[in-house]
PDB file of N, CA and C in Angstrom:
ATOM      1  N   MET A   1       0.760  -1.424   0.280  1.00  0.00           N
ATOM      2  CA  MET A   1       0.192  -0.153   0.028  1.00  0.00           C
ATOM      3  C   MET A   1       0.532   0.869   0.151  1.00  0.00           C
ATOM      4  N   PHE A   2       0.529   2.445  -0.848  1.00  0.00           N
ATOM      5  CA  PHE A   2       1.183   3.237  -0.773  1.00  0.00           C
ATOM      6  C   PHE A   2       0.583   4.645  -0.077  1.00  0.00           C
ATOM      7  N   THR A   3       1.138   5.536   0.326  1.00  0.00           N
ATOM      8  CA  THR A   3       0.378   6.689   1.173  1.00  0.00           C
ATOM      9  C   THR A   3       0.346   7.861   0.178  1.00  0.00           C
ATOM     10  N   ARG A   4      -0.579   8.627   0.358  1.00  0.00           N
ATOM     11  CA  ARG A   4      -0.660  10.131  -0.233  1.00  0.00           C
ATOM     12  C   ARG A   4       0.247  10.896  -0.544  1.00  0.00           C
ATOM     13  N   GLU A   5       1.165  10.693   0.793  1.00  0.00           N
ATOM     14  CA  GLU A   5       2.357  12.060   0.519  1.00  0.00           C
ATOM     15  C   GLU A   5       3.287  11.306  -0.282  1.00  0.00           C
ATOM     16  N   GLU A   6       3.527   9.599  -0.250  1.00  0.00           N
ATOM     17  CA  GLU A   6       4.394   9.437  -1.372  1.00  0.00           C
ATOM     18  C   GLU A   6       4.122   9.680  -2.834  1.00  0.00           C
ATOM     19  N   LEU A   7       2.624   9.191  -3.014  1.00  0.00           N
ATOM     20  CA  LEU A   7       2.170   9.927  -4.244  1.00  0.00           C
ATOM     21  C   LEU A   7       2.721  11.312  -5.242  1.00  0.00           C
ATOM     22  N   LEU A   8       1.941  11.774  -3.859  1.00  0.00           N
ATOM     23  CA  LEU A   8       1.999  13.205  -4.361  1.00  0.00           C
ATOM     24  C   LEU A   8       3.162  13.687  -4.480  1.00  0.00           C
ATOM     25  N   ASN A   9       4.459  13.334  -3.642  1.00  0.00           N
ATOM     26  CA  ASN A   9       5.903  13.536  -4.258  1.00  0.00           C
ATOM     27  C   ASN A   9       6.263  13.032  -5.315  1.00  0.00           C
ATOM     28  N   ALA A  10       5.675  11.782  -6.013  1.00  0.00           N
ATOM     29  CA  ALA A  10       6.023  11.653  -6.829  1.00  0.00           C
ATOM     30  C   ALA A  10       5.374  12.136  -8.188  1.00  0.00           C
ATOM     31  N   LEU A  11       3.960  12.663  -7.809  1.00  0.00           N
ATOM     32  CA  LEU A  11       3.288  13.255  -8.842  1.00  0.00           C
ATOM     33  C   LEU A  11       4.205  14.904  -9.431  1.00  0.00           C
ATOM     34  N   ARG A  12       4.220  15.496  -8.062  1.00  0.00           N
ATOM     35  CA  ARG A  12       4.702  16.674  -8.101  1.00  0.00           C
ATOM     36  C   ARG A  12       6.303  16.598  -9.057  1.00  0.00           C
ATOM     37  N   SER A  13       7.221  15.464  -8.702  1.00  0.00           N
ATOM     38  CA  SER A  13       8.663  15.764  -9.220  1.00  0.00           C
ATOM     39  C   SER A  13       8.577  15.444 -10.515  1.00  0.00           C
ATOM     40  N   GLY A  14       7.752  14.708 -11.253  1.00  0.00           N
ATOM     41  CA  GLY A  14       7.767  14.543 -12.647  1.00  0.00           C
ATOM     42  C   GLY A  14       6.079  13.464 -13.230  1.00  0.00           C
ATOM     43  N   THR A  15       6.959  12.536 -14.146  1.00  0.00           N
ATOM     44  CA  THR A  15       5.756  11.731 -14.638  1.00  0.00           C
ATOM     45  C   THR A  15       5.559  10.497 -13.624  1.00  0.00           C
ATOM     46  N   ILE A  16       4.155   9.996 -13.326  1.00  0.00           N
ATOM     47  CA  ILE A  16       4.778   8.560 -12.910  1.00  0.00           C
ATOM     48  C   ILE A  16       3.401   7.717 -13.538  1.00  0.00           C
ATOM     49  N   ASN A  17       3.377   6.215 -13.982  1.00  0.00           N
ATOM     50  CA  ASN A  17       2.617   5.507 -14.614  1.00  0.00           C
ATOM     51  C   ASN A  17       1.760   4.889 -13.063  1.00  0.00           C
ATOM     52  N   VAL A  18       0.690   4.708 -13.126  1.00  0.00           N
ATOM     53  CA  VAL A  18      -0.019   4.336 -11.563  1.00  0.00           C
ATOM     54  C   VAL A  18      -1.109   3.482 -12.271  1.00  0.00           C
ATOM     55  N   THR A  19      -1.018   2.454 -11.768  1.00  0.00           N
ATOM     56  CA  THR A  19      -2.192   1.189 -11.698  1.00  0.00           C
ATOM     57  C   THR A  19      -3.024   1.261 -10.819  1.00  0.00           C
ATOM     58  N   PHE A  20      -4.190   1.444 -10.816  1.00  0.00           N
ATOM     59  CA  PHE A  20      -5.280   1.207  -9.721  1.00  0.00           C
ATOM     60  C   PHE A  20      -6.356   0.638 -10.434  1.00  0.00           C
ATOM     61  N   THR A  21      -7.411  -0.021  -9.291  1.00  0.00           N
ATOM     62  CA  THR A  21      -8.544  -0.850  -9.828  1.00  0.00           C
ATOM     63  C   THR A  21      -9.569   0.514  -9.596  1.00  0.00           C
ATOM     64  N   LYS A  22     -10.277   0.282 -10.567  1.00  0.00           N
ATOM     65  CA  LYS A  22     -11.730   1.561 -10.778  1.00  0.00           C
ATOM     66  C   LYS A  22     -12.950   0.908  -9.742  1.00  0.00           C
ATOM     67  N   LYS A  23     -13.601   1.396  -9.821  1.00  0.00           N
ATOM     68  CA  LYS A  23     -14.413   1.246  -8.815  1.00  0.00           C
ATOM     69  C   LYS A  23     -15.861   0.015  -9.570  1.00  0.00           C
ATOM     70  N   ASP A  24     -15.875   0.176 -10.761  1.00  0.00           N
ATOM     71  CA  ASP A  24     -15.827  -1.220 -11.418  1.00  0.00           C
ATOM     72  C   ASP A  24     -15.506  -2.426 -11.538  1.00  0.00           C
ATOM     73  N   GLY A  25     -14.332  -2.153 -10.735  1.00  0.00           N
ATOM     74  CA  GLY A  25     -13.410  -3.645 -10.282  1.00  0.00           C
ATOM     75  C   GLY A  25     -12.385  -4.158 -11.764  1.00  0.00           C
ATOM     76  N   THR A  26     -12.475  -3.220 -12.456  1.00  0.00           N
ATOM     77  CA  THR A  26     -11.303  -3.367 -13.576  1.00  0.00           C
ATOM     78  C   THR A  26      -9.799  -2.346 -13.291  1.00  0.00           C
ATOM     79  N   ASP A  27      -8.820  -2.962 -13.943  1.00  0.00           N
ATOM     80  CA  ASP A  27      -7.619  -2.577 -13.963  1.00  0.00           C
ATOM     81  C   ASP A  27      -7.353  -0.979 -14.779  1.00  0.00           C
ATOM     82  N   ARG A  28      -6.689   0.245 -14.184  1.00  0.00           N
ATOM     83  CA  ARG A  28      -6.977   1.220 -15.320  1.00  0.00           C
ATOM     84  C   ARG A  28      -4.852   1.389 -14.815  1.00  0.00           C
ATOM     85  N   ASN A  29      -4.687   1.735 -16.656  1.00  0.00           N
ATOM     86  CA  ASN A  29      -2.991   2.255 -15.945  1.00  0.00           C
ATOM     87  C   ASN A  29      -3.297   3.912 -16.649  1.00  0.00           C
ATOM     88  N   MET A  30      -2.527   4.588 -15.701  1.00  0.00           N
ATOM     89  CA  MET A  30      -2.765   5.808 -15.982  1.00  0.00           C
ATOM     90  C   MET A  30      -1.402   6.856 -15.981  1.00  0.00           C
ATOM     91  N   ARG A  31      -0.871   7.442 -16.930  1.00  0.00           N
ATOM     92  CA  ARG A  31       0.383   8.498 -17.422  1.00  0.00           C
ATOM     93  C   ARG A  31       0.216   9.422 -16.536  1.00  0.00           C
ATOM     94  N   CYS A  32       0.264   9.907 -15.347  1.00  0.00           N
ATOM     95  CA  CYS A  32       0.095  11.466 -14.870  1.00  0.00           C
ATOM     96  C   CYS A  32       0.797  12.383 -14.290  1.00  0.00           C
ATOM     97  N   THR A  33       0.764  13.517 -13.629  1.00  0.00           N
ATOM     98  CA  THR A  33       1.466  13.971 -13.136  1.00  0.00           C
ATOM     99  C   THR A  33       0.808  15.445 -12.486  1.00  0.00           C
ATOM    100  N   LEU A  34       1.290  15.918 -11.534  1.00  0.00           N
ATOM    101  CA  LEU A  34       1.289  17.249 -10.547  1.00  0.00           C
ATOM    102  C   LEU A  34       2.235  18.498 -11.084  1.00  0.00           C
ATOM    103  N   LEU A  35       2.947  18.156 -12.282  1.00  0.00           N
ATOM    104  CA  LEU A  35       4.514  18.928 -12.129  1.00  0.00           C
ATOM    105  C   LEU A  35       3.489  20.335 -12.917  1.00  0.00           C
ATOM    106  N   GLU A  36       3.626  21.180 -12.512  1.00  0.00           N
ATOM    107  CA  GLU A  36       3.226  22.472 -13.509  1.00  0.00           C
ATOM    108  C   GLU A  36       3.526  22.733 -15.031  1.00  0.00           C
ATOM    109  N   ASP A  37       4.804  22.430 -15.088  1.00  0.00           N
ATOM    110  CA  ASP A  37       5.449  22.300 -16.585  1.00  0.00           C
ATOM    111  C   ASP A  37       5.212  21.411 -17.714  1.00  0.00           C
ATOM    112  N   MET A  38       4.184  20.532 -16.932  1.00  0.00           N
ATOM    113  CA  MET A  38       3.987  19.463 -17.940  1.00  0.00           C
ATOM    114  C   MET A  38       2.366  19.572 -18.081  1.00  0.00           C
ATOM    115  N   VAL A  39       1.927  20.789 -17.269  1.00  0.00           N
ATOM    116  CA  VAL A  39       0.387  21.039 -17.327  1.00  0.00           C
ATOM    117  C   VAL A  39       0.088  22.392 -18.410  1.00  0.00           C
ATOM    118  N   PRO A  40      -0.855  21.714 -19.518  1.00  0.00           N
ATOM    119  CA  PRO A  40      -0.951  22.932 -19.980  1.00  0.00           C
ATOM    120  C   PRO A  40      -1.761  24.403 -19.241  1.00  0.00           C
ATOM    121  N   THR A  41      -1.507  25.420 -19.680  1.00  0.00           N
ATOM    122  CA  THR A  41      -2.029  26.425 -18.648  1.00  0.00           C
ATOM    123  C   THR A  41      -3.400  26.736 -18.817  1.00  0.00           C
ATOM    124  N   GLU A  42      -4.195  26.046 -19.860  1.00  0.00           N
ATOM    125  CA  GLU A  42      -5.419  26.322 -20.163  1.00  0.00           C
ATOM    126  C   GLU A  42      -6.156  25.294 -19.559  1.00  0.00           C
ATOM    127  N   ALA A  43      -5.123  24.434 -18.594  1.00  0.00           N
ATOM    128  CA  ALA A  43      -5.897  23.354 -18.068  1.00  0.00           C
ATOM    129  C   ALA A  43      -6.097  23.574 -16.765  1.00  0.00           C
ATOM    130  N   TRP A  44      -5.249  24.430 -16.317  1.00  0.00           N
ATOM    131  CA  TRP A  44      -5.197  24.708 -14.758  1.00  0.00           C
ATOM    132  C   TRP A  44      -6.531  25.242 -14.287  1.00  0.00           C
ATOM    133  N   PRO A  45      -6.959  24.978 -13.040  1.00  0.00           N
ATOM    134  CA  PRO A  45      -8.348  25.210 -12.656  1.00  0.00           C
ATOM    135  C   PRO A  45      -8.293  26.593 -12.663  1.00  0.00           C
ATOM    136  N   THR A  46      -9.199  27.293 -12.445  1.00  0.00           N
ATOM    137  CA  THR A  46      -9.760  28.865 -12.116  1.00  0.00           C
ATOM    138  C   THR A  46     -10.765  28.807 -11.305  1.00  0.00           C
ATOM    139  N   GLY A  47     -10.414  29.611 -10.247  1.00  0.00           N
ATOM    140  CA  GLY A  47     -11.484  29.997  -9.094  1.00  0.00           C
ATOM    141  C   GLY A  47     -11.625  29.179  -8.371  1.00  0.00           C
ATOM    142  N   GLU A  48     -12.829  28.831  -7.640  1.00  0.00           N
ATOM    143  CA  GLU A  48     -13.023  27.875  -6.550  1.00  0.00           C
ATOM    144  C   GLU A  48     -13.461  26.712  -7.397  1.00  0.00           C
ATOM    145  N   SER A  49     -13.573  25.361  -6.856  1.00  0.00           N
ATOM    146  CA  SER A  49     -13.911  24.154  -7.612  1.00  0.00           C
ATOM    147  C   SER A  49     -15.033  24.005  -6.106  1.00  0.00           C
ATOM    148  N   ASN A  50     -16.365  23.544  -7.065  1.00  0.00           N
ATOM    149  CA  ASN A  50     -17.478  22.888  -6.064  1.00  0.00           C
ATOM    150  C   ASN A  50     -17.522  21.342  -5.680  1.00  0.00           C
ATOM    151  N   ARG A  51     -16.294  20.560  -5.672  1.00  0.00           N
ATOM    152  CA  ARG A  51     -15.303  19.504  -5.287  1.00  0.00           C
ATOM    153  C   ARG A  51     -15.368  19.356  -4.163  1.00  0.00           C
ATOM    154  N   LYS A  52     -15.421  18.481  -3.532  1.00  0.00           N
ATOM    155  CA  LYS A  52     -15.516  17.887  -2.301  1.00  0.00           C
ATOM    156  C   LYS A  52     -13.881  17.731  -2.405  1.00  0.00           C
ATOM    157  N   SER A  53     -13.040  18.215  -0.855  1.00  0.00           N
ATOM    158  CA  SER A  53     -11.315  17.783  -1.144  1.00  0.00           C
ATOM    159  C   SER A  53     -11.776  16.460  -0.080  1.00  0.00           C
ATOM    160  N   SER A  54     -10.928  15.407  -0.428  1.00  0.00           N
ATOM    161  CA  SER A  54     -10.573  14.380   0.369  1.00  0.00           C
ATOM    162  C   SER A  54      -8.759  13.542   0.461  1.00  0.00           C
ATOM    163  N   ASP A  55      -8.620  13.410   1.810  1.00  0.00           N
ATOM    164  CA  ASP A  55      -7.425  12.648   1.882  1.00  0.00           C
ATOM    165  C   ASP A  55      -7.623  11.201   1.170  1.00  0.00           C
ATOM    166  N   GLU A  56      -8.862  10.767   0.456  1.00  0.00           N
ATOM    167  CA  GLU A  56      -8.543   9.397   0.115  1.00  0.00           C
ATOM    168  C   GLU A  56      -8.480   9.628  -1.788  1.00  0.00           C
ATOM    169  N   VAL A  57      -8.730  10.505  -2.042  1.00  0.00           N
ATOM    170  CA  VAL A  57      -8.548  10.882  -3.592  1.00  0.00           C
ATOM    171  C   VAL A  57      -7.327  11.673  -3.945  1.00  0.00           C
ATOM    172  N   ILE A  58      -6.897  11.354  -5.423  1.00  0.00           N
ATOM    173  CA  ILE A  58      -5.828  12.242  -5.757  1.00  0.00           C
ATOM    174  C   ILE A  58      -6.207  12.792  -6.744  1.00  0.00           C
ATOM    175  N   ALA A  59      -6.446  13.877  -7.095  1.00  0.00           N
ATOM    176  CA  ALA A  59      -6.672  14.542  -8.627  1.00  0.00           C
ATOM    177  C   ALA A  59      -5.127  14.861  -9.295  1.00  0.00           C
ATOM    178  N   VAL A  60      -5.225  14.452 -10.324  1.00  0.00           N
ATOM    179  CA  VAL A  60      -4.110  14.352 -11.361  1.00  0.00           C
ATOM    180  C   VAL A  60      -4.351  14.801 -12.872  1.00  0.00           C
ATOM    181  N   PHE A  61      -3.265  15.100 -13.370  1.00  0.00           N
ATOM    182  CA  PHE A  61      -3.439  15.299 -14.973  1.00  0.00           C
ATOM    183  C   PHE A  61      -2.997  14.202 -15.664  1.00  0.00           C
ATOM    184  N   ASP A  62      -3.826  13.734 -16.573  1.00  0.00           N
ATOM    185  CA  ASP A  62      -3.809  12.219 -17.027  1.00  0.00           C
ATOM    186  C   ASP A  62      -3.358  12.956 -18.490  1.00  0.00           C
ATOM    187  N   LEU A  63      -1.952  12.629 -19.231  1.00  0.00           N
ATOM    188  CA  LEU A  63      -1.130  12.963 -20.007  1.00  0.00           C
ATOM    189  C   LEU A  63      -1.653  12.556 -21.387  1.00  0.00           C
ATOM    190  N   GLU A  64      -2.300  11.374 -21.653  1.00  0.00           N
ATOM    191  CA  GLU A  64      -3.005  10.867 -22.652  1.00  0.00           C
ATOM    192  C   GLU A  64      -4.104  11.580 -23.040  1.00  0.00           C
ATOM    193  N   LYS A  65      -5.252  11.317 -21.851  1.00  0.00           N
ATOM    194  CA  LYS A  65      -6.401  11.676 -22.180  1.00  0.00           C
ATOM    195  C   LYS A  65      -6.164  13.403 -22.279  1.00  0.00           C
ATOM    196  N   ASP A  66      -5.064  14.303 -21.640  1.00  0.00           N
ATOM    197  CA  ASP A  66      -5.145  15.709 -21.633  1.00  0.00           C
ATOM    198  C   ASP A  66      -6.326  16.305 -21.073  1.00  0.00           C
ATOM    199  N   ASP A  67      -6.532  15.400 -19.934  1.00  0.00           N
ATOM    200  CA  ASP A  67      -7.171  16.267 -18.989  1.00  0.00           C
ATOM    201  C   ASP A  67      -7.495  15.838 -17.469  1.00  0.00           C
ATOM    202  N   TRP A  68      -8.269  16.639 -16.619  1.00  0.00           N
ATOM    203  CA  TRP A  68      -8.173  15.588 -15.256  1.00  0.00           C
ATOM    204  C   TRP A  68      -8.585  14.907 -15.116  1.00  0.00           C
ATOM    205  N   ARG A  69      -7.911  13.952 -13.915  1.00  0.00           N
ATOM    206  CA  ARG A  69      -8.453  12.582 -13.399  1.00  0.00           C
ATOM    207  C   ARG A  69      -8.064  11.853 -12.488  1.00  0.00           C
ATOM    208  N   SER A  70      -8.779  11.588 -11.604  1.00  0.00           N
ATOM    209  CA  SER A  70      -8.830  11.134 -10.575  1.00  0.00           C
ATOM    210  C   SER A  70      -8.500   9.693  -9.931  1.00  0.00           C
ATOM    211  N   PHE A  71      -7.869   9.497  -8.496  1.00  0.00           N
ATOM    212  CA  PHE A  71      -8.023   8.188  -8.413  1.00  0.00           C
ATOM    213  C   PHE A  71      -7.796   8.057  -6.837  1.00  0.00           C
ATOM    214  N   ARG A  72      -8.698   6.602  -6.160  1.00  0.00           N
ATOM    215  CA  ARG A  72      -8.292   6.572  -4.795  1.00  0.00           C
ATOM    216  C   ARG A  72      -6.792   5.603  -4.487  1.00  0.00           C
ATOM    217  N   VAL A  73      -6.054   6.639  -3.281  1.00  0.00           N
ATOM    218  CA  VAL A  73      -4.837   6.338  -2.964  1.00  0.00           C
ATOM    219  C   VAL A  73      -5.057   4.736  -2.645  1.00  0.00           C
ATOM    220  N   ASP A  74      -6.291   4.316  -1.993  1.00  0.00           N
ATOM    221  CA  ASP A  74      -6.486   2.771  -1.023  1.00  0.00           C
ATOM    222  C   ASP A  74      -6.585   1.836  -2.298  1.00  0.00           C
ATOM    223  N   ALA A  75      -7.044   2.342  -3.872  1.00  0.00           N
ATOM    224  CA  ALA A  75      -7.047   1.539  -5.158  1.00  0.00           C
ATOM    225  C   ALA A  75      -5.733   1.156  -5.856  1.00  0.00           C
ATOM    226  N   VAL A  76      -4.940   1.940  -5.253  1.00  0.00           N
ATOM    227  CA  VAL A  76      -3.367   2.018  -6.064  1.00  0.00           C
ATOM    228  C   VAL A  76      -2.999   1.090  -6.148  1.00  0.00           C
ATOM    229  N   THR A  77      -2.472  -0.207  -7.259  1.00  0.00           N
ATOM    230  CA  THR A  77      -1.529  -0.999  -6.914  1.00  0.00           C
ATOM    231  C   THR A  77       0.024  -1.505  -7.054  1.00  0.00           C
ATOM    232  N   SER A  78       0.296  -0.115  -7.857  1.00  0.00           N
ATOM    233  CA  SER A  78       1.401   0.228  -8.017  1.00  0.00           C
ATOM    234  C   SER A  78       1.758   1.252  -9.344  1.00  0.00           C
ATOM    235  N   TYR A  79       2.829   1.623  -8.841  1.00  0.00           N
ATOM    236  CA  TYR A  79       3.630   2.769 -10.134  1.00  0.00           C
ATOM    237  C   TYR A  79       4.738   2.759  -9.985  1.00  0.00           C
ATOM    238  N   SER A  80       4.755   3.699 -10.976  1.00  0.00           N
ATOM    239  CA  SER A  80       6.726   3.974 -11.262  1.00  0.00           C
ATOM    240  C   SER A  80       6.908   5.320 -11.895  1.00  0.00           C
ATOM    241  N   ALA A  81       7.887   5.585 -11.461  1.00  0.00           N
ATOM    242  CA  ALA A  81       8.474   7.210 -11.904  1.00  0.00           C
ATOM    243  C   ALA A  81       8.916   7.001 -13.620  1.00  0.00           C
ATOM    244  N   GLU A  82       9.150   7.726 -14.554  1.00  0.00           N
ATOM    245  CA  GLU A  82       9.370   7.806 -15.254  1.00  0.00           C
ATOM    246  C   GLU A  82      11.007   8.755 -15.433  1.00  0.00           C
TER     247      GLU A  82
END
């Protein structure tokens, strides 16, 4: 099991490939980041968000879908830094 802090540190340092189990039981592999230089300026959120903040979920920028996605920390089965 991975900690939220461990995953956030890796995401803020660069790109990672994360594998997690979705709510429907399928596995998903996502290439993602939180490194500002890798997220297009127009994709950064503006203003207040109406989403609830949760320590159980991490919102990330999916580099293949070119959009924001999220995953549950406890659903992560593996990750690797690029």
